[in-house]
Every structure is written in C-alpha cells, then in structure tokens.
Amino acid sequence: MANTARFKVQANVDLSNEEGTLWWHAHSEWDRAMVHGAIVVYPKLGTYSYLFPRPAAELTLVLGEWWKKNVELVYDQFISSGGEPIDSDAYTINDTFKLEVEYGKTYLLRMINSAMNEILFFAVAEHKLTVVGTDGSYISR
C-alpha cells in the first residue's frame, strides 16, 4: 500500500516589503525537489517602481533537476550512506523552454534555482544579461 497523505495549507504571508521574484517549496525531506513554484510580487497597481525601463515581456523560469529514480529513494540512499546525494540525471527549465524575441527589445527573465544541491549558471549565447533584482528586491544600478 502506498504511503499517501493530503494536506490543505493556508498561510498569511506579508509581502508588503517585497517586490520581485520569490519562490515557495515543500519542507519535508526531499519533497522540495518536486513541490515548488514561483511567487511574483508586482508593483502596486497604477505604479511603476522598477529601477529599469519597462521590458517588452517577462517570463518566469524555474530551473530544476530530474532523477530517473524516485526522489524518495535518492533521499533515502543519501541519508543512509552519510555521503553526498547522487547527481541528478538531467536539468529542467520549466520542463522545456523556448522564447522567441525581437531584436532590440528587452526581456525580463525571472529566474529561480529550485535545484536541491546544485549551483546552476545561466547564460544566453551572444546576449548581454543584466541582473536587476534578487530574492524579492530590485537592486540599484
């Protein structure tokens, strides 16, 4: 018999001092590897508080990992061995990802690294990227 449970969680979160991209994730063992998502806090309606020109479009990208094995088995092996967890078999970007852009326009990519044990680097070939914010706050130029 499978060990399953259902939960209904309600939380009041004060985001009045945040603006930008955050993320949420599960906190039980390695469920975070599978249960996570983006939180985008936009400026108050009718205002424009970005510290940069308005982008032509914006897209949220969640970078993640993929194991061929059941993630719970990966976690159990990691805990029982006392060593490092096995590397993931692949990486994902919103599962799969493709974005068509127009020359000369600026795009806002909201990046989230949901990987469990990896530092992931991101680049777009022959394009300049400028970091405009981190962890729910915009940075000054």
Protein backbone atom coordinates (compact mmCIF):
# COMPACT_ATOMS: atom_id res chain seq x y z
CA MET A 1 0.00 0.00 0.00
CA ALA A 2 1.35 3.42 -0.92
CA ASN A 3 2.02 5.89 1.86
CA THR A 4 -0.02 8.93 0.82
CA ALA A 5 -1.48 11.93 2.56
CA ARG A 6 -3.45 15.02 1.64
CA PHE A 7 -2.84 18.40 3.17
CA LYS A 8 -4.62 21.69 2.97
CA VAL A 9 -2.34 24.53 3.99
CA GLN A 10 -3.33 28.14 4.41
CA ALA A 11 -0.78 30.76 5.33
CA ASN A 12 -0.90 34.50 5.73
CA VAL A 13 2.30 35.92 4.29
CA ASP A 14 3.19 39.60 4.50
CA LEU A 15 4.83 40.62 1.23
CA SER A 16 4.37 44.35 1.74
CA ASN A 17 8.13 44.94 1.73
CA GLU A 18 8.86 42.66 -1.21
CA GLU A 19 8.62 43.28 -4.91
CA GLY A 20 10.03 40.90 -7.48
CA THR A 21 10.55 37.17 -7.67
CA LEU A 22 10.38 34.72 -4.78
CA TRP A 23 9.63 31.02 -4.60
CA TRP A 24 7.93 28.55 -2.32
CA HIS A 25 8.82 24.90 -1.71
CA ALA A 26 7.93 21.94 0.46
CA HIS A 27 9.94 21.37 3.63
CA SER A 28 9.56 17.63 4.17
CA GLU A 29 12.62 15.60 3.27
CA TRP A 30 13.21 15.95 -0.46
CA ASP A 31 9.66 16.82 -1.45
CA ARG A 32 11.12 20.23 -2.32
CA ALA A 33 12.59 18.57 -5.43
CA MET A 34 9.07 18.05 -6.74
CA VAL A 35 6.82 20.50 -4.91
CA HIS A 36 7.77 24.12 -5.59
CA GLY A 37 6.72 27.17 -7.55
CA ALA A 38 7.17 30.86 -8.23
CA ILE A 39 5.76 33.86 -6.38
CA VAL A 40 5.90 37.10 -8.35
CA VAL A 41 5.13 40.27 -6.41
CA TYR A 42 4.27 43.07 -8.83
CA PRO A 43 4.30 46.81 -8.10
CA LYS A 44 1.09 48.26 -6.69
CA LEU A 45 -1.50 48.74 -9.45
CA GLY A 46 -1.13 52.09 -11.16
CA THR A 47 2.51 52.49 -10.16
CA TYR A 48 5.79 51.70 -11.87
CA SER A 49 8.57 51.20 -9.34
CA TYR A 50 11.02 49.18 -11.41
CA LEU A 51 14.53 50.64 -11.44
CA PHE A 52 14.89 49.84 -15.13
CA PRO A 53 12.98 50.51 -18.37
CA ARG A 54 9.73 48.61 -18.82
CA PRO A 55 10.51 45.26 -20.51
CA ALA A 56 8.77 44.19 -23.73
CA ALA A 57 7.79 40.97 -21.96
CA GLU A 58 8.65 38.96 -18.88
CA LEU A 59 8.87 35.27 -18.21
CA THR A 60 9.44 33.23 -15.06
CA LEU A 61 11.96 30.40 -15.43
CA VAL A 62 12.22 27.67 -12.81
CA LEU A 63 15.50 25.76 -13.13
CA GLY A 64 15.27 22.29 -11.64
CA GLU A 65 16.66 18.79 -11.52
CA TRP A 66 15.34 15.45 -12.73
CA TRP A 67 16.19 11.98 -11.46
CA LYS A 68 15.33 8.75 -13.22
CA LYS A 69 14.92 7.19 -9.77
CA ASN A 70 12.14 8.04 -7.37
CA VAL A 71 13.30 11.13 -5.45
CA GLU A 72 12.37 9.50 -2.14
CA LEU A 73 14.78 6.62 -2.93
CA VAL A 74 17.51 9.13 -3.80
CA TYR A 75 16.89 10.82 -0.44
CA ASP A 76 16.90 7.51 1.48
CA GLN A 77 20.22 6.46 -0.13
CA PHE A 78 21.73 9.86 0.65
CA ILE A 79 20.69 9.70 4.33
CA SER A 80 21.71 6.06 4.87
CA SER A 81 25.14 6.48 3.25
CA GLY A 82 26.10 9.65 5.11
CA GLY A 83 27.65 10.89 1.90
CA GLU A 84 26.61 13.23 -0.87
CA PRO A 85 23.34 12.66 -2.73
CA ILE A 86 23.65 11.28 -6.24
CA ASP A 87 23.73 13.85 -9.01
CA SER A 88 20.52 14.39 -10.91
CA ASP A 89 20.19 12.75 -14.32
CA ALA A 90 19.12 15.97 -16.05
CA TYR A 91 18.21 19.61 -15.53
CA THR A 92 14.93 21.25 -16.45
CA ILE A 93 13.81 24.76 -17.37
CA ASN A 94 10.04 24.92 -16.87
CA ASP A 95 10.17 21.31 -18.09
CA THR A 96 11.06 22.55 -21.60
CA PHE A 97 11.61 26.12 -22.70
CA LYS A 98 11.71 28.26 -25.83
CA LEU A 99 11.30 32.03 -26.19
CA GLU A 100 11.12 33.97 -29.44
CA VAL A 101 12.38 37.53 -29.11
CA GLU A 102 12.57 40.63 -31.27
CA TYR A 103 15.87 42.36 -31.97
CA GLY A 104 16.45 45.46 -29.85
CA LYS A 105 13.81 44.68 -27.23
CA THR A 106 14.48 43.99 -23.55
CA TYR A 107 13.00 40.98 -21.75
CA LEU A 108 12.73 40.34 -18.02
CA LEU A 109 13.58 36.75 -17.08
CA ARG A 110 12.59 35.90 -13.52
CA MET A 111 14.98 33.08 -12.60
CA ILE A 112 14.51 30.56 -9.80
CA ASN A 113 17.05 27.85 -8.98
CA SER A 114 14.96 25.08 -7.44
CA ALA A 115 17.81 22.55 -7.66
CA MET A 116 18.43 20.66 -4.43
CA ASN A 117 22.23 20.54 -4.34
CA GLU A 118 23.48 22.36 -7.40
CA ILE A 119 24.70 25.83 -8.21
CA LEU A 120 23.35 26.48 -11.69
CA PHE A 121 24.74 29.09 -14.06
CA PHE A 122 22.62 30.70 -16.77
CA ALA A 123 23.61 32.47 -19.98
CA VAL A 124 22.15 33.21 -23.39
CA ALA A 125 24.65 32.82 -26.22
CA GLU A 126 25.76 36.14 -27.69
CA HIS A 127 23.43 38.17 -25.46
CA LYS A 128 24.07 40.54 -22.58
CA LEU A 129 22.27 39.80 -19.32
CA THR A 130 21.89 42.37 -16.54
CA VAL A 131 20.85 41.35 -13.02
CA VAL A 132 18.13 43.75 -11.81
CA GLY A 133 16.99 42.04 -8.63
CA THR A 134 17.46 39.21 -6.19
CA ASP A 135 15.31 37.49 -3.58
CA GLY A 136 12.24 39.71 -3.82
CA SER A 137 14.06 43.03 -4.11
CA TYR A 138 15.27 45.10 -7.02
CA ILE A 139 18.86 46.27 -6.90
CA SER A 140 20.07 49.73 -7.82
CA ARG A 141 22.17 50.24 -10.92
